[in-house]
Every structure is written in structure tokens, then in C-alpha cells.
């Protein structure tokens, strides 16, 4: 179970994963060693999965963000595994979800330009033997950035 101090620690780390034990202790009114132990426990128990840097897509040449819905023609375990392998080996796909409703999958993709998005859809996704339909929505503006999870 998470207590209020754990929740505050998780919220602080989502805002700034570089916080030291000293800084966490000051924020949480704990000693640095207590804050460090709590952080280690939350990591060991799987509440904290990893730490990473959030990059600016445009600065690294990824000007197009899109959401791509994929509907499969056939729904067997092998078709799902095969499609999952395709997604796993496509670096443009930064996240993927299985869905209920008309689409079976929702893919979030980043590409350098519209031509690269077109190639991803027409040369890799649509030719996959189990894919029946692909529909894409190009992001015009992201007015709320990916937010921390509520704690």
C-alpha cells in the first residue's frame, strides 16, 4: 500500500526524476536516507518502472506525429503475434494499444515527414497479411503534453 508520503515522492519524481535523496527529503520532510530508502523500495516493488529523458521530437527531426488505427482481417493468436513483432521492430511506433471497438490496435507514431508516414502505412502496415484496414489521424497540435500519472 502507498501512503501519502509515497504518493508525494512518486509525484515529485514524475516531475523531476533527477531529484537527489537530499532534495526528496527536503520536499517530503524526511531525512535523505529515509527518502532514499523509500525511493529504493518503490523501485523494487515495481511502482517506478524506469527513468528516461523526454526528447523534443521536432528538435530531432520528427515533424509528424500521428495516431494510426489498425483493423485486422483475421484474429488468431499467430496473426496477433506476427503483427506485434512488426510493431516491435518499427521504431516510428512509440506506443501501441489493443482496443475494443472498430479498430484492433492504436499506434502512436513519429515520422520525419508525411512521406515517411506514407511509407510506414503503405509499405509496412498495409502489406502485413493480417491487416485489413489502416486509418491515420495526423496530430496538428498537442496542447497538453503527456502528463504524469495521478498519484
Protein backbone atom coordinates (compact mmCIF):
# COMPACT_ATOMS: atom_id res chain seq x y z
CA UNK A 1 0.00 0.00 0.00
CA UNK A 2 1.11 3.54 -0.76
CA UNK A 3 0.91 6.10 1.99
CA UNK A 4 0.67 9.85 1.40
CA UNK A 5 4.46 10.28 1.59
CA UNK A 6 4.95 7.59 -1.06
CA UNK A 7 2.41 9.34 -3.30
CA UNK A 8 4.17 12.69 -2.84
CA UNK A 9 7.51 11.04 -3.63
CA UNK A 10 6.13 9.49 -6.82
CA UNK A 11 4.59 12.81 -7.90
CA UNK A 12 7.90 14.61 -7.26
CA UNK A 13 9.88 12.05 -9.27
CA UNK A 14 7.45 12.24 -12.19
CA UNK A 15 8.04 16.00 -12.27
CA UNK A 16 11.83 15.64 -11.94
CA UNK A 17 13.48 12.23 -11.92
CA UNK A 18 16.86 13.85 -11.17
CA UNK A 19 15.91 14.74 -7.60
CA UNK A 20 18.54 13.60 -5.13
CA UNK A 21 17.76 11.91 -1.83
CA UNK A 22 18.64 15.23 -0.17
CA UNK A 23 16.14 17.15 -2.32
CA UNK A 24 13.44 14.50 -1.90
CA UNK A 25 13.98 14.57 1.85
CA UNK A 26 13.51 18.33 1.91
CA UNK A 27 10.32 18.10 -0.16
CA UNK A 28 8.88 15.29 1.95
CA UNK A 29 10.14 16.43 5.33
CA UNK A 30 12.29 13.29 5.67
CA UNK A 31 15.96 12.67 6.15
CA UNK A 32 17.89 11.99 2.93
CA UNK A 33 18.41 8.36 3.99
CA UNK A 34 14.68 7.86 4.65
CA UNK A 35 13.80 9.41 1.29
CA UNK A 36 16.42 7.25 -0.44
CA UNK A 37 15.11 4.07 1.19
CA UNK A 38 11.53 4.88 0.19
CA UNK A 39 12.67 5.51 -3.38
CA UNK A 40 14.55 2.18 -3.46
CA UNK A 41 11.52 0.33 -2.05
CA UNK A 42 9.20 1.86 -4.65
CA UNK A 43 11.65 0.85 -7.39
CA UNK A 44 11.99 -2.70 -6.01
CA UNK A 45 8.21 -3.11 -5.70
CA UNK A 46 7.67 -2.00 -9.31
CA UNK A 47 5.92 1.32 -8.68
CA UNK A 48 8.79 3.01 -10.51
CA UNK A 49 9.48 1.14 -13.73
CA UNK A 50 12.35 3.19 -15.15
CA UNK A 51 13.83 6.63 -15.65
CA UNK A 52 14.20 8.27 -19.03
CA UNK A 53 14.73 11.57 -20.82
CA UNK A 54 11.84 13.12 -22.73
CA UNK A 55 13.11 14.37 -26.08
CA UNK A 56 11.68 17.14 -28.23
CA UNK A 57 10.52 15.33 -31.40
CA UNK A 58 10.84 18.38 -33.66
CA UNK A 59 14.39 19.12 -32.48
CA UNK A 60 15.47 15.61 -33.50
CA UNK A 61 13.77 15.80 -36.91
CA UNK A 62 10.42 14.12 -36.22
CA UNK A 63 7.97 16.71 -37.55
CA UNK A 64 4.91 14.45 -37.92
CA UNK A 65 3.07 12.76 -35.06
CA UNK A 66 0.10 10.57 -35.90
CA UNK A 67 -2.26 8.06 -34.38
CA UNK A 68 -2.84 5.04 -36.59
CA UNK A 69 -5.78 2.69 -36.10
CA UNK A 70 -5.32 -0.82 -37.44
CA UNK A 71 -8.06 -3.36 -38.03
CA UNK A 72 -7.08 -6.98 -38.60
CA UNK A 73 -8.79 -9.22 -41.15
CA UNK A 74 -8.18 -12.34 -39.07
CA UNK A 75 -7.92 -12.62 -35.30
CA UNK A 76 -5.88 -15.68 -34.42
CA UNK A 77 -3.02 -15.85 -31.93
CA UNK A 78 -0.40 -16.20 -34.67
CA UNK A 79 -1.72 -13.15 -36.55
CA UNK A 80 -1.62 -11.11 -33.34
CA UNK A 81 1.93 -12.25 -32.54
CA UNK A 82 3.06 -11.52 -36.10
CA UNK A 83 1.56 -8.03 -36.01
CA UNK A 84 3.08 -7.39 -32.57
CA UNK A 85 6.51 -8.34 -33.99
CA UNK A 86 6.03 -5.85 -36.84
CA UNK A 87 5.15 -3.11 -34.36
CA UNK A 88 8.07 -4.00 -32.07
CA UNK A 89 10.53 -3.69 -34.97
CA UNK A 90 9.15 -0.35 -36.21
CA UNK A 91 10.99 2.44 -34.40
CA UNK A 92 8.45 5.02 -35.60
CA UNK A 93 5.83 3.36 -33.40
CA UNK A 94 6.43 4.76 -29.93
CA UNK A 95 3.46 3.14 -28.23
CA UNK A 96 0.72 0.69 -29.12
CA UNK A 97 -2.54 -0.38 -27.56
CA UNK A 98 -5.08 -3.12 -28.23
CA UNK A 99 -8.61 -1.75 -28.29
CA UNK A 100 -12.24 -2.64 -28.18
CA UNK A 101 -14.46 -1.29 -30.96
CA UNK A 102 -13.81 -0.99 -34.68
CA UNK A 103 -10.01 -0.82 -34.53
CA UNK A 104 -7.99 -3.64 -33.03
CA UNK A 105 -4.87 -1.54 -32.42
CA UNK A 106 -3.98 2.09 -31.89
CA UNK A 107 -0.41 3.09 -32.71
CA UNK A 108 1.26 6.36 -31.82
CA UNK A 109 3.91 7.15 -34.41
CA UNK A 110 6.51 9.84 -35.01
CA UNK A 111 7.93 10.33 -38.52
CA UNK A 112 10.27 12.85 -40.09
CA UNK A 113 7.69 13.92 -42.68
CA UNK A 114 4.46 12.92 -44.43
CA UNK A 115 6.38 10.80 -46.94
CA UNK A 116 7.82 8.71 -44.11
CA UNK A 117 4.34 8.27 -42.62
CA UNK A 118 3.03 7.24 -46.04
CA UNK A 119 5.84 4.65 -46.40
CA UNK A 120 5.15 3.25 -42.93
CA UNK A 121 1.47 2.81 -43.73
CA UNK A 122 1.71 1.65 -47.36
CA UNK A 123 4.95 -0.33 -47.33
CA UNK A 124 4.92 -1.91 -43.87
CA UNK A 125 1.49 -1.88 -42.20
CA UNK A 126 -0.94 -2.47 -45.09
CA UNK A 127 1.13 -5.27 -46.71
CA UNK A 128 1.06 -7.28 -43.46
CA UNK A 129 -1.02 -10.40 -44.21
CA UNK A 130 -3.47 -9.96 -41.33
CA UNK A 131 -4.12 -6.22 -41.74
CA UNK A 132 -7.48 -5.34 -43.27
CA UNK A 133 -7.65 -1.57 -42.76
CA UNK A 134 -5.48 1.29 -41.57
CA UNK A 135 -6.76 4.75 -40.67
CA UNK A 136 -4.48 7.57 -39.58
CA UNK A 137 -5.02 10.88 -37.85
CA UNK A 138 -2.20 13.39 -38.08
CA UNK A 139 -1.65 15.49 -34.97
CA UNK A 140 -1.89 19.19 -35.80
CA UNK A 141 -1.02 20.40 -32.29
CA UNK A 142 -0.55 18.78 -28.90
CA UNK A 143 -1.93 21.38 -26.50
CA UNK A 144 -1.46 19.22 -23.40
CA UNK A 145 1.82 17.34 -23.09
CA UNK A 146 1.96 13.79 -21.81
CA UNK A 147 1.21 14.32 -18.16
CA UNK A 148 2.38 12.48 -15.07
CA UNK A 149 0.06 9.80 -13.75
CA UNK A 150 -2.23 10.93 -10.93
CA UNK A 151 -1.00 9.65 -7.58
